[in-house]
Amino acid sequence: MEKLTDKEMKRIEGGISVWVGLGIGAIAIFLSGVLDGIMHPKACEGGSYAKN
């Protein structure tokens, strides 16, 4: 096994970036909220638009 120098380690490309990981996580959280809203709808409970 060869030990890499700092310069060699910085040149390594590939893998997944932090922004891609955060984006995938945000999309997953959003979709789980949408599915939860579809499966468990809640009626409006006396907000300012409900007063008629």
N, C-alpha and C. Protein backbone atom coordinates (compact mmCIF):
# COMPACT_ATOMS: atom_id res chain seq x y z
N MET A 1 0.85 -1.17 0.00
CA MET A 1 0.00 0.00 0.00
C MET A 1 0.90 1.23 0.00
N GLU A 2 0.55 2.20 -0.83
CA GLU A 2 1.35 3.41 -0.98
C GLU A 2 0.72 4.56 -0.21
N LYS A 3 1.52 5.35 0.45
CA LYS A 3 1.02 6.51 1.18
C LYS A 3 1.00 7.71 0.23
N LEU A 4 -0.15 8.40 0.14
CA LEU A 4 -0.29 9.53 -0.77
C LEU A 4 0.13 10.82 -0.08
N THR A 5 0.69 11.71 -0.87
CA THR A 5 1.04 13.03 -0.34
C THR A 5 -0.21 13.92 -0.36
N ASP A 6 -0.11 15.07 0.29
CA ASP A 6 -1.25 16.00 0.31
C ASP A 6 -1.62 16.45 -1.10
N LYS A 7 -0.60 16.70 -1.92
CA LYS A 7 -0.86 17.15 -3.29
C LYS A 7 -1.59 16.08 -4.09
N GLU A 8 -1.19 14.84 -3.92
CA GLU A 8 -1.85 13.73 -4.63
C GLU A 8 -3.28 13.53 -4.15
N MET A 9 -3.52 13.72 -2.87
CA MET A 9 -4.86 13.55 -2.34
C MET A 9 -5.82 14.62 -2.85
N LYS A 10 -5.30 15.85 -3.04
CA LYS A 10 -6.14 16.93 -3.54
C LYS A 10 -6.50 16.75 -5.02
N ARG A 11 -5.69 15.98 -5.76
CA ARG A 11 -5.95 15.75 -7.17
C ARG A 11 -6.97 14.64 -7.41
N ILE A 12 -7.32 13.88 -6.41
CA ILE A 12 -8.27 12.77 -6.58
C ILE A 12 -9.65 13.33 -6.88
N GLU A 13 -10.24 12.84 -7.95
CA GLU A 13 -11.58 13.27 -8.34
C GLU A 13 -12.53 12.10 -8.24
N GLY A 14 -13.81 12.43 -8.18
CA GLY A 14 -14.82 11.39 -8.13
C GLY A 14 -15.62 11.47 -6.86
N GLY A 15 -16.50 10.54 -6.71
CA GLY A 15 -17.36 10.54 -5.54
C GLY A 15 -18.53 11.49 -5.71
N ILE A 16 -19.11 11.88 -4.62
CA ILE A 16 -20.29 12.73 -4.65
C ILE A 16 -19.97 14.01 -3.86
N SER A 17 -20.34 15.15 -4.42
CA SER A 17 -20.04 16.40 -3.74
C SER A 17 -21.03 16.64 -2.60
N VAL A 18 -20.69 17.54 -1.74
CA VAL A 18 -21.56 17.87 -0.61
C VAL A 18 -22.87 18.45 -1.10
N TRP A 19 -22.82 19.30 -2.13
CA TRP A 19 -24.03 19.94 -2.64
C TRP A 19 -25.00 18.94 -3.25
N VAL A 20 -24.47 17.94 -3.92
CA VAL A 20 -25.34 16.89 -4.50
C VAL A 20 -26.01 16.11 -3.37
N GLY A 21 -25.25 15.80 -2.34
CA GLY A 21 -25.82 15.08 -1.20
C GLY A 21 -26.90 15.89 -0.50
N LEU A 22 -26.66 17.19 -0.31
CA LEU A 22 -27.67 18.05 0.31
C LEU A 22 -28.91 18.19 -0.57
N GLY A 23 -28.70 18.28 -1.87
CA GLY A 23 -29.83 18.38 -2.80
C GLY A 23 -30.69 17.13 -2.78
N ILE A 24 -30.06 15.98 -2.79
CA ILE A 24 -30.81 14.72 -2.73
C ILE A 24 -31.57 14.62 -1.41
N GLY A 25 -30.94 15.03 -0.32
CA GLY A 25 -31.62 15.01 0.98
C GLY A 25 -32.81 15.96 1.01
N ALA A 26 -32.65 17.15 0.44
CA ALA A 26 -33.75 18.13 0.42
C ALA A 26 -34.92 17.62 -0.42
N ILE A 27 -34.63 17.02 -1.56
CA ILE A 27 -35.69 16.47 -2.40
C ILE A 27 -36.41 15.34 -1.68
N ALA A 28 -35.68 14.48 -1.00
CA ALA A 28 -36.30 13.36 -0.27
C ALA A 28 -37.21 13.88 0.84
N ILE A 29 -36.76 14.90 1.57
CA ILE A 29 -37.58 15.46 2.65
C ILE A 29 -38.84 16.12 2.09
N PHE A 30 -38.69 16.86 0.99
CA PHE A 30 -39.83 17.51 0.36
C PHE A 30 -40.85 16.48 -0.11
N LEU A 31 -40.39 15.43 -0.79
CA LEU A 31 -41.31 14.41 -1.29
C LEU A 31 -41.99 13.65 -0.15
N SER A 32 -41.29 13.43 0.94
CA SER A 32 -41.94 12.75 2.07
C SER A 32 -43.03 13.65 2.66
N GLY A 33 -42.82 14.97 2.67
CA GLY A 33 -43.85 15.89 3.14
C GLY A 33 -45.04 15.92 2.22
N VAL A 34 -44.80 15.89 0.92
CA VAL A 34 -45.91 15.87 -0.05
C VAL A 34 -46.72 14.58 0.11
N LEU A 35 -46.04 13.46 0.21
CA LEU A 35 -46.75 12.19 0.38
C LEU A 35 -47.52 12.15 1.70
N ASP A 36 -46.95 12.69 2.75
CA ASP A 36 -47.65 12.75 4.04
C ASP A 36 -48.90 13.62 3.93
N GLY A 37 -48.79 14.74 3.21
CA GLY A 37 -49.94 15.61 3.03
C GLY A 37 -51.05 14.95 2.21
N ILE A 38 -50.67 14.15 1.24
CA ILE A 38 -51.67 13.44 0.43
C ILE A 38 -52.34 12.35 1.25
N MET A 39 -51.57 11.62 2.03
CA MET A 39 -52.11 10.50 2.78
C MET A 39 -52.83 10.92 4.05
N HIS A 40 -52.47 12.05 4.66
CA HIS A 40 -53.09 12.52 5.89
C HIS A 40 -53.50 13.98 5.75
N PRO A 41 -54.50 14.27 4.91
CA PRO A 41 -54.89 15.68 4.73
C PRO A 41 -55.53 16.24 6.00
N LYS A 42 -55.28 17.51 6.25
CA LYS A 42 -55.85 18.18 7.42
C LYS A 42 -56.68 19.36 6.93
N ALA A 43 -57.84 19.53 7.54
CA ALA A 43 -58.71 20.63 7.17
C ALA A 43 -58.18 21.94 7.76
N CYS A 44 -58.60 23.04 7.17
CA CYS A 44 -58.23 24.35 7.69
C CYS A 44 -58.91 24.52 9.06
N GLU A 45 -58.15 24.92 10.05
CA GLU A 45 -58.68 24.99 11.42
C GLU A 45 -58.78 26.43 11.91
N GLY A 46 -59.70 27.17 11.35
CA GLY A 46 -59.99 28.49 11.88
C GLY A 46 -58.99 29.58 11.56
N GLY A 47 -58.32 29.49 10.45
CA GLY A 47 -57.41 30.54 10.06
C GLY A 47 -58.19 31.78 9.61
N SER A 48 -57.50 32.82 9.20
CA SER A 48 -58.18 34.06 8.81
C SER A 48 -59.03 33.88 7.55
N TYR A 49 -58.73 32.86 6.74
CA TYR A 49 -59.52 32.61 5.53
C TYR A 49 -60.79 31.82 5.83
N ALA A 50 -60.88 31.18 6.99
CA ALA A 50 -62.03 30.34 7.31
C ALA A 50 -63.23 31.13 7.83
N LYS A 51 -63.05 32.39 8.14
CA LYS A 51 -64.15 33.20 8.71
C LYS A 51 -65.02 33.74 7.59
N ASN A 52 -66.14 33.11 7.36
CA ASN A 52 -67.11 33.56 6.35
C ASN A 52 -68.46 33.71 6.95
